[in-house]
Amino acid sequence: MTLQAKLDAFKADFVAGKPPYNAPAPIHAVMQRATAELIASGLADRALKAGDAAPVFSLPDAQGKLVSSVELLAQGPLVVSFYRGVWCPYCNMELQALEQALPAFKERGASLVAISPQSQANSRKSQREHALGFPILSDSGNEIAASFGLRFKLPGYLAELYMSLGNNLPVINGDQSWTLPMPARFVIGQDGIIRYAEVNPDYTLRPEPSELLPALRA
């Protein structure tokens, strides 16, 4: 089953309120409204694209060790995935798909990192629960996400919904900004130029990891 098929199946069960989700219908309307507003904002259209220079970054991994994009690019191309956090089931399914694709990335000499605004403790939880063989980096305040054009502030009504669902982002992320990155994937060449970019303001839609491989072959 493809990644998107798994995401679609999860979404169908969630919207239908099947156990263990049991999510009432008003929740879905709020989430759909927020997604529609983010799409209408045009933010995704202003994010970095293939051909742009990638921002340089150095971020702590789950153990607190700084990981430098410059050092990784000295070894080969770099795959970067931005995701929302350990609390997001769509993100977790994508992390699992990236783990499955990791051998194919390595065969092409590429490194893979995932970036989220969550704390290092939550990154450790992600790595442990999904047995990930690549680092998760903590981007406090979504500063690096902003440099890629991905950061957005949650509207107040969505923040209230998240709190009611137990997704207290200030606690999960360790900052009070109530910001998130739009989910995105980039392939960066050793010259620092983005070879592939996919940004989607609809967090339920994710590309197959195999879609990145042509950019790595190039």
N, C-alpha and C. Protein backbone atom coordinates (compact mmCIF):
# COMPACT_ATOMS: atom_id res chain seq x y z
N MET A 1 0.84 -1.19 0.00
CA MET A 1 0.00 0.00 0.00
C MET A 1 0.88 1.25 0.00
N THR A 2 0.53 2.21 -0.83
CA THR A 2 1.30 3.45 -0.89
C THR A 2 1.10 4.28 0.37
N LEU A 3 2.00 5.22 0.57
CA LEU A 3 1.87 6.11 1.72
C LEU A 3 0.55 6.85 1.66
N GLN A 4 0.20 7.43 0.50
CA GLN A 4 -1.03 8.21 0.41
C GLN A 4 -2.26 7.34 0.65
N ALA A 5 -2.22 6.09 0.21
CA ALA A 5 -3.35 5.20 0.46
C ALA A 5 -3.53 4.96 1.96
N LYS A 6 -2.42 4.82 2.68
CA LYS A 6 -2.49 4.65 4.14
C LYS A 6 -3.06 5.91 4.80
N LEU A 7 -2.61 7.07 4.33
CA LEU A 7 -3.11 8.33 4.88
C LEU A 7 -4.60 8.50 4.61
N ASP A 8 -5.02 8.15 3.40
CA ASP A 8 -6.43 8.27 3.05
C ASP A 8 -7.29 7.33 3.89
N ALA A 9 -6.79 6.13 4.13
CA ALA A 9 -7.54 5.17 4.94
C ALA A 9 -7.67 5.66 6.38
N PHE A 10 -6.58 6.22 6.91
CA PHE A 10 -6.65 6.77 8.27
C PHE A 10 -7.64 7.92 8.33
N LYS A 11 -7.57 8.82 7.35
CA LYS A 11 -8.47 9.97 7.34
C LYS A 11 -9.93 9.53 7.26
N ALA A 12 -10.22 8.53 6.45
CA ALA A 12 -11.59 8.05 6.32
C ALA A 12 -12.11 7.51 7.65
N ASP A 13 -11.27 6.76 8.35
CA ASP A 13 -11.68 6.22 9.66
C ASP A 13 -11.86 7.34 10.68
N PHE A 14 -10.96 8.33 10.62
CA PHE A 14 -11.03 9.45 11.57
C PHE A 14 -12.30 10.26 11.35
N VAL A 15 -12.59 10.57 10.09
CA VAL A 15 -13.78 11.37 9.78
C VAL A 15 -15.06 10.59 10.12
N ALA A 16 -15.00 9.26 9.91
CA ALA A 16 -16.16 8.43 10.22
C ALA A 16 -16.35 8.22 11.72
N GLY A 17 -15.36 8.63 12.51
CA GLY A 17 -15.47 8.49 13.95
C GLY A 17 -15.33 7.08 14.44
N LYS A 18 -14.62 6.25 13.66
CA LYS A 18 -14.45 4.87 14.08
C LYS A 18 -13.50 4.79 15.28
N PRO A 19 -13.74 3.83 16.17
CA PRO A 19 -12.82 3.65 17.31
C PRO A 19 -11.40 3.39 16.79
N PRO A 20 -10.35 3.91 17.44
CA PRO A 20 -10.41 4.61 18.74
C PRO A 20 -10.58 6.11 18.64
N TYR A 21 -10.94 6.63 17.47
CA TYR A 21 -10.92 8.08 17.28
C TYR A 21 -12.15 8.76 17.88
N ASN A 22 -13.34 8.32 17.49
CA ASN A 22 -14.57 8.87 18.06
C ASN A 22 -14.58 10.39 18.05
N ALA A 23 -14.12 10.98 16.97
CA ALA A 23 -14.05 12.44 16.87
C ALA A 23 -15.38 12.98 16.37
N PRO A 24 -16.00 13.90 17.11
CA PRO A 24 -17.28 14.46 16.67
C PRO A 24 -17.13 15.28 15.41
N ALA A 25 -18.22 15.39 14.65
CA ALA A 25 -18.21 16.06 13.35
C ALA A 25 -17.70 17.50 13.42
N PRO A 26 -18.04 18.31 14.44
CA PRO A 26 -17.55 19.70 14.46
C PRO A 26 -16.03 19.82 14.41
N ILE A 27 -15.32 18.82 14.92
CA ILE A 27 -13.86 18.85 14.87
C ILE A 27 -13.38 18.88 13.43
N HIS A 28 -13.97 18.05 12.61
CA HIS A 28 -13.54 17.97 11.22
C HIS A 28 -13.80 19.28 10.48
N ALA A 29 -14.92 19.92 10.78
CA ALA A 29 -15.23 21.19 10.13
C ALA A 29 -14.20 22.25 10.48
N VAL A 30 -13.76 22.28 11.72
CA VAL A 30 -12.74 23.25 12.14
C VAL A 30 -11.42 23.00 11.43
N MET A 31 -11.02 21.73 11.36
CA MET A 31 -9.76 21.39 10.69
C MET A 31 -9.83 21.72 9.20
N GLN A 32 -10.95 21.43 8.58
CA GLN A 32 -11.10 21.74 7.16
C GLN A 32 -11.06 23.24 6.91
N ARG A 33 -11.67 23.99 7.81
CA ARG A 33 -11.65 25.46 7.67
C ARG A 33 -10.22 25.98 7.75
N ALA A 34 -9.46 25.49 8.72
CA ALA A 34 -8.08 25.97 8.88
C ALA A 34 -7.23 25.61 7.67
N THR A 35 -7.41 24.40 7.15
CA THR A 35 -6.65 23.99 5.97
C THR A 35 -7.01 24.85 4.77
N ALA A 36 -8.31 25.09 4.58
CA ALA A 36 -8.75 25.91 3.45
C ALA A 36 -8.19 27.33 3.54
N GLU A 37 -8.14 27.87 4.74
CA GLU A 37 -7.60 29.22 4.92
C GLU A 37 -6.10 29.27 4.64
N LEU A 38 -5.39 28.22 5.05
CA LEU A 38 -3.95 28.18 4.79
C LEU A 38 -3.68 28.05 3.30
N ILE A 39 -4.47 27.25 2.61
CA ILE A 39 -4.33 27.13 1.15
C ILE A 39 -4.59 28.49 0.50
N ALA A 40 -5.67 29.15 0.91
CA ALA A 40 -6.05 30.43 0.32
C ALA A 40 -5.03 31.53 0.59
N SER A 41 -4.24 31.39 1.65
CA SER A 41 -3.25 32.41 1.99
C SER A 41 -2.13 32.50 0.95
N GLY A 42 -1.93 31.43 0.19
CA GLY A 42 -0.87 31.43 -0.82
C GLY A 42 0.52 31.21 -0.25
N LEU A 43 0.61 30.88 1.04
CA LEU A 43 1.92 30.71 1.67
C LEU A 43 2.74 29.63 0.97
N ALA A 44 2.11 28.54 0.60
CA ALA A 44 2.85 27.45 -0.05
C ALA A 44 3.48 27.91 -1.37
N ASP A 45 2.81 28.80 -2.07
CA ASP A 45 3.33 29.28 -3.35
C ASP A 45 4.57 30.15 -3.16
N ARG A 46 4.73 30.69 -1.95
CA ARG A 46 5.88 31.56 -1.69
C ARG A 46 7.05 30.83 -1.04
N ALA A 47 6.88 29.55 -0.76
CA ALA A 47 7.96 28.75 -0.16
C ALA A 47 9.07 28.52 -1.19
N LEU A 48 10.24 28.11 -0.70
CA LEU A 48 11.37 27.86 -1.61
C LEU A 48 11.03 26.75 -2.57
N LYS A 49 11.61 26.86 -3.77
CA LYS A 49 11.32 25.93 -4.85
C LYS A 49 12.61 25.38 -5.43
N ALA A 50 12.47 24.38 -6.29
CA ALA A 50 13.64 23.84 -7.00
C ALA A 50 14.33 24.97 -7.76
N GLY A 51 15.64 25.03 -7.64
CA GLY A 51 16.43 26.09 -8.25
C GLY A 51 16.84 27.17 -7.27
N ASP A 52 16.16 27.25 -6.12
CA ASP A 52 16.53 28.22 -5.09
C ASP A 52 17.70 27.68 -4.26
N ALA A 53 18.44 28.60 -3.66
CA ALA A 53 19.50 28.21 -2.72
C ALA A 53 18.86 27.83 -1.40
N ALA A 54 19.30 26.71 -0.85
CA ALA A 54 18.76 26.24 0.42
C ALA A 54 19.42 26.97 1.58
N PRO A 55 18.66 27.36 2.59
CA PRO A 55 19.26 27.97 3.78
C PRO A 55 20.20 26.97 4.47
N VAL A 56 21.26 27.50 5.03
CA VAL A 56 22.18 26.68 5.83
C VAL A 56 21.60 26.56 7.24
N PHE A 57 21.70 25.37 7.82
CA PHE A 57 21.19 25.21 9.18
C PHE A 57 22.08 24.29 10.01
N SER A 58 21.99 24.48 11.31
CA SER A 58 22.65 23.62 12.29
C SER A 58 21.69 23.49 13.46
N LEU A 59 21.15 22.28 13.66
CA LEU A 59 20.10 22.05 14.64
C LEU A 59 20.44 20.84 15.51
N PRO A 60 19.94 20.82 16.75
CA PRO A 60 20.21 19.68 17.63
C PRO A 60 19.36 18.47 17.27
N ASP A 61 19.98 17.29 17.33
CA ASP A 61 19.22 16.06 17.12
C ASP A 61 18.58 15.65 18.45
N ALA A 62 18.01 14.45 18.49
CA ALA A 62 17.27 14.01 19.67
C ALA A 62 18.16 13.87 20.90
N GLN A 63 19.48 13.70 20.69
CA GLN A 63 20.42 13.57 21.80
C GLN A 63 21.11 14.90 22.13
N GLY A 64 20.76 15.95 21.40
CA GLY A 64 21.35 17.26 21.67
C GLY A 64 22.59 17.57 20.84
N LYS A 65 23.00 16.65 19.97
CA LYS A 65 24.16 16.88 19.12
C LYS A 65 23.76 17.75 17.93
N LEU A 66 24.56 18.77 17.66
CA LEU A 66 24.27 19.65 16.54
C LEU A 66 24.55 18.94 15.22
N VAL A 67 23.60 19.03 14.30
CA VAL A 67 23.73 18.45 12.97
C VAL A 67 23.77 19.60 11.97
N SER A 68 24.82 19.65 11.18
CA SER A 68 25.04 20.75 10.25
C SER A 68 24.73 20.34 8.82
N SER A 69 23.93 21.16 8.14
CA SER A 69 23.64 20.87 6.74
C SER A 69 24.90 20.98 5.88
N VAL A 70 25.81 21.87 6.26
CA VAL A 70 27.06 22.03 5.50
C VAL A 70 27.88 20.75 5.56
N GLU A 71 27.97 20.16 6.75
CA GLU A 71 28.74 18.93 6.91
C GLU A 71 28.09 17.76 6.17
N LEU A 72 26.77 17.68 6.20
CA LEU A 72 26.08 16.60 5.50
C LEU A 72 26.24 16.75 3.99
N LEU A 73 26.16 17.98 3.49
CA LEU A 73 26.28 18.20 2.05
C LEU A 73 27.70 17.95 1.56
N ALA A 74 28.67 18.02 2.45
CA ALA A 74 30.05 17.69 2.06
C ALA A 74 30.17 16.21 1.73
N GLN A 75 29.23 15.40 2.24
CA GLN A 75 29.26 13.96 2.01
C GLN A 75 28.41 13.52 0.83
N GLY A 76 27.42 14.35 0.44
CA GLY A 76 26.52 13.97 -0.64
C GLY A 76 25.26 14.81 -0.58
N PRO A 77 24.29 14.54 -1.45
CA PRO A 77 23.03 15.30 -1.41
C PRO A 77 22.28 15.06 -0.11
N LEU A 78 21.32 15.93 0.16
CA LEU A 78 20.61 15.90 1.44
C LEU A 78 19.11 15.92 1.20
N VAL A 79 18.40 14.99 1.81
CA VAL A 79 16.93 14.97 1.81
C VAL A 79 16.47 15.55 3.15
N VAL A 80 15.59 16.54 3.09
CA VAL A 80 15.09 17.19 4.29
C VAL A 80 13.56 17.09 4.29
N SER A 81 13.02 16.58 5.38
CA SER A 81 11.57 16.49 5.54
C SER A 81 11.15 17.33 6.75
N PHE A 82 10.27 18.29 6.52
CA PHE A 82 9.70 19.08 7.61
C PHE A 82 8.36 18.48 7.99
N TYR A 83 8.15 18.26 9.30
CA TYR A 83 6.87 17.71 9.73
C TYR A 83 6.43 18.37 11.03
N ARG A 84 5.17 18.12 11.41
CA ARG A 84 4.54 18.88 12.49
C ARG A 84 4.93 18.40 13.88
N GLY A 85 5.01 17.09 14.09
CA GLY A 85 5.41 16.62 15.41
C GLY A 85 4.90 15.23 15.72
N VAL A 86 5.32 14.73 16.86
CA VAL A 86 5.02 13.36 17.29
C VAL A 86 3.52 13.13 17.47
N TRP A 87 2.77 14.17 17.69
CA TRP A 87 1.33 14.08 17.93
C TRP A 87 0.52 13.91 16.65
N CYS A 88 1.15 14.08 15.49
CA CYS A 88 0.45 14.08 14.20
C CYS A 88 0.53 12.69 13.55
N PRO A 89 -0.57 11.95 13.46
CA PRO A 89 -0.52 10.61 12.88
C PRO A 89 -0.10 10.59 11.42
N TYR A 90 -0.46 11.62 10.68
CA TYR A 90 -0.07 11.68 9.27
C TYR A 90 1.45 11.80 9.16
N CYS A 91 2.04 12.61 10.03
CA CYS A 91 3.49 12.77 10.05
C CYS A 91 4.18 11.46 10.42
N ASN A 92 3.62 10.76 11.40
CA ASN A 92 4.24 9.50 11.83
C ASN A 92 4.23 8.46 10.71
N MET A 93 3.15 8.41 9.95
CA MET A 93 3.11 7.47 8.83
C MET A 93 4.13 7.86 7.76
N GLU A 94 4.33 9.16 7.58
CA GLU A 94 5.34 9.59 6.61
C GLU A 94 6.74 9.23 7.10
N LEU A 95 7.01 9.39 8.39
CA LEU A 95 8.31 9.02 8.93
C LEU A 95 8.59 7.54 8.68
N GLN A 96 7.58 6.70 8.87
CA GLN A 96 7.75 5.27 8.62
C GLN A 96 8.06 5.00 7.16
N ALA A 97 7.39 5.73 6.25
CA ALA A 97 7.65 5.55 4.82
C ALA A 97 9.07 6.01 4.46
N LEU A 98 9.52 7.09 5.08
CA LEU A 98 10.88 7.56 4.83
C LEU A 98 11.91 6.56 5.35
N GLU A 99 11.61 5.93 6.47
CA GLU A 99 12.52 4.91 7.00
C GLU A 99 12.64 3.75 6.01
N GLN A 100 11.55 3.37 5.40
CA GLN A 100 11.57 2.29 4.41
C GLN A 100 12.37 2.70 3.17
N ALA A 101 12.35 3.99 2.85
CA ALA A 101 13.07 4.48 1.66
C ALA A 101 14.53 4.80 1.96
N LEU A 102 14.92 4.79 3.23
CA LEU A 102 16.27 5.21 3.62
C LEU A 102 17.36 4.43 2.88
N PRO A 103 17.26 3.10 2.72
CA PRO A 103 18.30 2.39 1.97
C PRO A 103 18.47 2.91 0.54
N ALA A 104 17.37 3.24 -0.12
CA ALA A 104 17.45 3.77 -1.48
C ALA A 104 18.12 5.13 -1.50
N PHE A 105 17.87 5.96 -0.48
CA PHE A 105 18.55 7.25 -0.39
C PHE A 105 20.05 7.04 -0.20
N LYS A 106 20.41 6.13 0.70
CA LYS A 106 21.82 5.89 0.99
C LYS A 106 22.55 5.32 -0.22
N GLU A 107 21.88 4.48 -1.00
CA GLU A 107 22.50 3.92 -2.21
C GLU A 107 22.93 5.03 -3.16
N ARG A 108 22.24 6.15 -3.10
CA ARG A 108 22.55 7.28 -3.98
C ARG A 108 23.43 8.30 -3.28
N GLY A 109 23.99 7.92 -2.14
CA GLY A 109 24.93 8.77 -1.43
C GLY A 109 24.30 9.89 -0.65
N ALA A 110 22.98 9.82 -0.41
CA ALA A 110 22.28 10.92 0.23
C ALA A 110 22.09 10.68 1.72
N SER A 111 22.03 11.76 2.46
CA SER A 111 21.65 11.75 3.87
C SER A 111 20.19 12.18 3.98
N LEU A 112 19.56 11.81 5.09
CA LEU A 112 18.17 12.17 5.34
C LEU A 112 18.05 12.72 6.75
N VAL A 113 17.37 13.86 6.88
CA VAL A 113 17.03 14.39 8.20
C VAL A 113 15.58 14.82 8.18
N ALA A 114 14.92 14.69 9.34
CA ALA A 114 13.57 15.21 9.51
C ALA A 114 13.64 16.36 10.51
N ILE A 115 12.87 17.40 10.27
CA ILE A 115 12.90 18.59 11.11
C ILE A 115 11.49 18.89 11.60
N SER A 116 11.36 19.09 12.91
CA SER A 116 10.08 19.49 13.49
C SER A 116 10.35 20.50 14.60
N PRO A 117 9.31 21.22 15.03
CA PRO A 117 9.52 22.19 16.11
C PRO A 117 9.50 21.57 17.50
N GLN A 118 9.27 20.26 17.60
CA GLN A 118 9.11 19.64 18.92
C GLN A 118 10.42 19.59 19.70
N SER A 119 10.29 19.37 21.00
CA SER A 119 11.45 19.28 21.87
C SER A 119 12.26 18.03 21.57
N GLN A 120 13.49 18.01 22.05
CA GLN A 120 14.35 16.85 21.84
C GLN A 120 13.76 15.60 22.49
N ALA A 121 13.11 15.75 23.63
CA ALA A 121 12.49 14.60 24.29
C ALA A 121 11.42 13.98 23.41
N ASN A 122 10.64 14.80 22.73
CA ASN A 122 9.62 14.27 21.83
C ASN A 122 10.23 13.69 20.56
N SER A 123 11.37 14.23 20.14
CA SER A 123 12.07 13.62 19.01
C SER A 123 12.59 12.24 19.37
N ARG A 124 13.08 12.10 20.59
CA ARG A 124 13.52 10.78 21.05
C ARG A 124 12.35 9.80 21.06
N LYS A 125 11.19 10.28 21.46
CA LYS A 125 10.00 9.44 21.46
C LYS A 125 9.65 8.99 20.04
N SER A 126 9.74 9.90 19.09
CA SER A 126 9.48 9.55 17.68
C SER A 126 10.44 8.49 17.19
N GLN A 127 11.72 8.69 17.46
CA GLN A 127 12.73 7.73 17.00
C GLN A 127 12.53 6.37 17.64
N ARG A 128 12.20 6.37 18.92
CA ARG A 128 12.02 5.11 19.63
C ARG A 128 10.78 4.36 19.14
N GLU A 129 9.67 5.06 18.98
CA GLU A 129 8.42 4.41 18.60
C GLU A 129 8.43 3.89 17.17
N HIS A 130 9.20 4.54 16.31
CA HIS A 130 9.19 4.16 14.89
C HIS A 130 10.51 3.58 14.43
N ALA A 131 11.43 3.34 15.36
CA ALA A 131 12.72 2.71 15.05
C ALA A 131 13.39 3.38 13.85
N LEU A 132 13.57 4.67 13.95
CA LEU A 132 14.09 5.45 12.83
C LEU A 132 15.61 5.40 12.78
N GLY A 133 16.15 5.28 11.59
CA GLY A 133 17.59 5.23 11.39
C GLY A 133 18.16 6.54 10.89
N PHE A 134 17.40 7.61 10.98
CA PHE A 134 17.87 8.94 10.57
C PHE A 134 17.54 9.94 11.67
N PRO A 135 18.26 11.03 11.74
CA PRO A 135 18.06 11.99 12.85
C PRO A 135 16.82 12.84 12.69
N ILE A 136 16.19 13.14 13.82
CA ILE A 136 15.13 14.12 13.89
C ILE A 136 15.71 15.36 14.58
N LEU A 137 15.59 16.49 13.94
CA LEU A 137 16.19 17.72 14.44
C LEU A 137 15.11 18.64 15.00
N SER A 138 15.45 19.34 16.08
CA SER A 138 14.50 20.23 16.74
C SER A 138 14.72 21.67 16.28
N ASP A 139 13.70 22.22 15.67
CA ASP A 139 13.74 23.59 15.13
C ASP A 139 12.87 24.48 16.01
N SER A 140 13.43 24.93 17.11
CA SER A 140 12.68 25.71 18.08
C SER A 140 12.12 26.99 17.45
N GLY A 141 10.82 27.20 17.63
CA GLY A 141 10.19 28.37 17.06
C GLY A 141 10.02 28.32 15.56
N ASN A 142 10.35 27.18 14.96
CA ASN A 142 10.24 27.02 13.50
C ASN A 142 11.07 28.06 12.73
N GLU A 143 12.23 28.39 13.29
CA GLU A 143 13.07 29.41 12.65
C GLU A 143 13.61 28.95 11.30
N ILE A 144 14.08 27.70 11.24
CA ILE A 144 14.59 27.19 9.96
C ILE A 144 13.44 26.96 9.00
N ALA A 145 12.31 26.46 9.52
CA ALA A 145 11.13 26.32 8.67
C ALA A 145 10.76 27.66 8.04
N ALA A 146 10.87 28.73 8.81
CA ALA A 146 10.55 30.06 8.29
C ALA A 146 11.50 30.44 7.16
N SER A 147 12.77 30.06 7.29
CA SER A 147 13.74 30.41 6.24
C SER A 147 13.46 29.67 4.94
N PHE A 148 12.75 28.53 5.03
CA PHE A 148 12.31 27.81 3.84
C PHE A 148 10.92 28.28 3.37
N GLY A 149 10.31 29.19 4.13
CA GLY A 149 9.00 29.71 3.76
C GLY A 149 7.84 28.86 4.22
N LEU A 150 8.03 28.05 5.28
CA LEU A 150 7.03 27.07 5.68
C LEU A 150 6.26 27.43 6.95
N ARG A 151 6.75 28.36 7.74
CA ARG A 151 6.15 28.61 9.05
C ARG A 151 4.85 29.40 8.93
N PHE A 152 3.85 28.97 9.71
CA PHE A 152 2.61 29.72 9.80
C PHE A 152 2.11 29.69 11.24
N LYS A 153 1.34 30.67 11.61
CA LYS A 153 0.77 30.76 12.96
C LYS A 153 -0.65 30.20 12.95
N LEU A 154 -0.93 29.35 13.91
CA LEU A 154 -2.26 28.76 13.98
C LEU A 154 -3.28 29.83 14.36
N PRO A 155 -4.44 29.85 13.70
CA PRO A 155 -5.50 30.78 14.13
C PRO A 155 -5.99 30.38 15.52
N GLY A 156 -6.51 31.35 16.24
CA GLY A 156 -6.91 31.12 17.61
C GLY A 156 -7.90 29.97 17.77
N TYR A 157 -8.87 29.88 16.85
CA TYR A 157 -9.87 28.82 16.97
C TYR A 157 -9.25 27.44 16.82
N LEU A 158 -8.17 27.32 16.01
CA LEU A 158 -7.52 26.02 15.83
C LEU A 158 -6.67 25.69 17.05
N ALA A 159 -6.02 26.71 17.62
CA ALA A 159 -5.25 26.50 18.85
C ALA A 159 -6.15 25.99 19.97
N GLU A 160 -7.34 26.55 20.06
CA GLU A 160 -8.30 26.11 21.08
C GLU A 160 -8.70 24.65 20.86
N LEU A 161 -8.91 24.27 19.60
CA LEU A 161 -9.26 22.89 19.29
C LEU A 161 -8.12 21.95 19.66
N TYR A 162 -6.90 22.33 19.31
CA TYR A 162 -5.75 21.49 19.63
C TYR A 162 -5.64 21.28 21.14
N MET A 163 -5.84 22.35 21.89
CA MET A 163 -5.77 22.23 23.34
C MET A 163 -6.82 21.25 23.85
N SER A 164 -8.03 21.32 23.28
CA SER A 164 -9.10 20.43 23.71
C SER A 164 -8.80 18.98 23.39
N LEU A 165 -7.96 18.76 22.37
CA LEU A 165 -7.59 17.40 21.97
C LEU A 165 -6.34 16.91 22.69
N GLY A 166 -5.77 17.76 23.53
CA GLY A 166 -4.57 17.39 24.27
C GLY A 166 -3.27 17.70 23.55
N ASN A 167 -3.36 18.43 22.44
CA ASN A 167 -2.15 18.81 21.69
C ASN A 167 -1.72 20.21 22.11
N ASN A 168 -1.09 20.28 23.27
CA ASN A 168 -0.63 21.55 23.82
C ASN A 168 0.73 21.88 23.21
N LEU A 169 0.71 22.60 22.11
CA LEU A 169 1.95 22.84 21.36
C LEU A 169 3.00 23.59 22.17
N PRO A 170 2.65 24.56 23.01
CA PRO A 170 3.70 25.19 23.81
C PRO A 170 4.46 24.20 24.68
N VAL A 171 3.78 23.18 25.18
CA VAL A 171 4.46 22.15 25.98
C VAL A 171 5.23 21.19 25.08
N ILE A 172 4.60 20.75 23.99
CA ILE A 172 5.23 19.78 23.08
C ILE A 172 6.48 20.38 22.43
N ASN A 173 6.38 21.66 22.07
CA ASN A 173 7.47 22.30 21.33
C ASN A 173 8.42 23.11 22.22
N GLY A 174 7.97 23.44 23.42
CA GLY A 174 8.83 24.22 24.31
C GLY A 174 8.91 25.68 23.95
N ASP A 175 7.92 26.20 23.23
CA ASP A 175 7.86 27.63 22.96
C ASP A 175 6.39 28.04 22.85
N GLN A 176 6.14 29.32 22.99
CA GLN A 176 4.78 29.84 23.05
C GLN A 176 4.27 30.40 21.72
N SER A 177 4.93 30.10 20.64
CA SER A 177 4.62 30.77 19.38
C SER A 177 3.35 30.28 18.71
N TRP A 178 2.91 29.05 19.03
CA TRP A 178 1.78 28.44 18.34
C TRP A 178 1.97 28.50 16.82
N THR A 179 3.17 28.13 16.40
CA THR A 179 3.45 28.05 14.96
C THR A 179 3.77 26.61 14.60
N LEU A 180 3.58 26.29 13.32
CA LEU A 180 3.91 24.98 12.77
C LEU A 180 4.52 25.18 11.39
N PRO A 181 5.23 24.17 10.88
CA PRO A 181 5.64 24.20 9.48
C PRO A 181 4.61 23.50 8.61
N MET A 182 4.40 23.99 7.41
CA MET A 182 3.68 23.18 6.44
C MET A 182 4.53 21.96 6.14
N PRO A 183 3.95 20.77 6.08
CA PRO A 183 4.76 19.60 5.72
C PRO A 183 5.43 19.81 4.36
N ALA A 184 6.70 19.46 4.28
CA ALA A 184 7.47 19.72 3.05
C ALA A 184 8.64 18.76 2.95
N ARG A 185 9.05 18.49 1.71
CA ARG A 185 10.21 17.68 1.42
C ARG A 185 11.11 18.41 0.44
N PHE A 186 12.41 18.36 0.69
CA PHE A 186 13.38 19.00 -0.21
C PHE A 186 14.53 18.03 -0.47
N VAL A 187 15.05 18.07 -1.69
CA VAL A 187 16.32 17.44 -2.02
C VAL A 187 17.29 18.56 -2.35
N ILE A 188 18.39 18.61 -1.61
CA ILE A 188 19.39 19.67 -1.78
C ILE A 188 20.66 19.06 -2.35
N GLY A 189 21.14 19.64 -3.45
CA GLY A 189 22.37 19.17 -4.07
C GLY A 189 23.59 19.62 -3.28
N GLN A 190 24.72 19.03 -3.58
CA GLN A 190 25.94 19.36 -2.83
C GLN A 190 26.38 20.80 -3.05
N ASP A 191 25.86 21.44 -4.10
CA ASP A 191 26.16 22.86 -4.32
C ASP A 191 25.22 23.77 -3.52
N GLY A 192 24.32 23.17 -2.73
CA GLY A 192 23.42 23.96 -1.91
C GLY A 192 22.15 24.40 -2.62
N ILE A 193 21.96 23.95 -3.85
CA ILE A 193 20.77 24.32 -4.62
C ILE A 193 19.70 23.24 -4.47
N ILE A 194 18.48 23.68 -4.27
CA ILE A 194 17.36 22.75 -4.12
C ILE A 194 17.05 22.10 -5.46
N ARG A 195 17.06 20.78 -5.48
CA ARG A 195 16.78 20.02 -6.71
C ARG A 195 15.32 19.57 -6.79
N TYR A 196 14.69 19.43 -5.63
CA TYR A 196 13.30 18.97 -5.56
C TYR A 196 12.65 19.66 -4.37
N ALA A 197 11.43 20.12 -4.56
CA ALA A 197 10.69 20.75 -3.47
C ALA A 197 9.22 20.38 -3.59
N GLU A 198 8.64 19.97 -2.47
CA GLU A 198 7.22 19.66 -2.43
C GLU A 198 6.67 20.20 -1.12
N VAL A 199 5.77 21.16 -1.21
CA VAL A 199 5.18 21.80 -0.04
C VAL A 199 3.66 21.74 -0.19
N ASN A 200 2.98 21.26 0.84
CA ASN A 200 1.52 21.16 0.74
C ASN A 200 0.87 21.66 2.02
N PRO A 201 0.03 22.69 1.92
CA PRO A 201 -0.65 23.19 3.11
C PRO A 201 -1.71 22.24 3.65
N ASP A 202 -2.06 21.22 2.86
CA ASP A 202 -2.98 20.18 3.33
C ASP A 202 -2.15 19.06 3.93
N TYR A 203 -2.14 18.97 5.26
CA TYR A 203 -1.26 18.03 5.96
C TYR A 203 -1.64 16.57 5.74
N THR A 204 -2.79 16.32 5.12
CA THR A 204 -3.20 14.93 4.87
C THR A 204 -2.67 14.40 3.55
N LEU A 205 -1.98 15.23 2.80
CA LEU A 205 -1.43 14.83 1.50
C LEU A 205 0.09 14.84 1.55
N ARG A 206 0.70 13.71 1.25
CA ARG A 206 2.17 13.58 1.28
C ARG A 206 2.65 12.83 0.04
N PRO A 207 3.80 13.21 -0.52
CA PRO A 207 4.32 12.50 -1.69
C PRO A 207 4.94 11.17 -1.29
N GLU A 208 5.01 10.25 -2.24
CA GLU A 208 5.72 9.00 -2.00
C GLU A 208 7.22 9.30 -1.93
N PRO A 209 7.94 8.70 -1.01
CA PRO A 209 9.39 8.93 -0.95
C PRO A 209 10.10 8.62 -2.27
N SER A 210 9.55 7.70 -3.05
CA SER A 210 10.18 7.36 -4.33
C SER A 210 10.19 8.53 -5.30
N GLU A 211 9.30 9.51 -5.08
CA GLU A 211 9.26 10.67 -5.96
C GLU A 211 10.53 11.52 -5.84
N LEU A 212 11.28 11.35 -4.76
CA LEU A 212 12.52 12.11 -4.55
C LEU A 212 13.70 11.50 -5.29
N LEU A 213 13.59 10.24 -5.66
CA LEU A 213 14.75 9.53 -6.20
C LEU A 213 15.29 10.12 -7.50
N PRO A 214 14.45 10.55 -8.45
CA PRO A 214 15.01 11.14 -9.68
C PRO A 214 15.92 12.32 -9.40
N ALA A 215 15.58 13.14 -8.41
CA ALA A 215 16.42 14.29 -8.07
C ALA A 215 17.76 13.82 -7.51
N LEU A 216 17.77 12.70 -6.80
CA LEU A 216 19.02 12.17 -6.25
C LEU A 216 19.88 11.56 -7.35
N ARG A 217 19.23 10.96 -8.32
CA ARG A 217 20.00 10.41 -9.45
C ARG A 217 20.68 11.51 -10.24
N ALA A 218 19.97 12.66 -10.37
CA ALA A 218 20.56 13.79 -11.09
C ALA A 218 21.76 14.36 -10.38
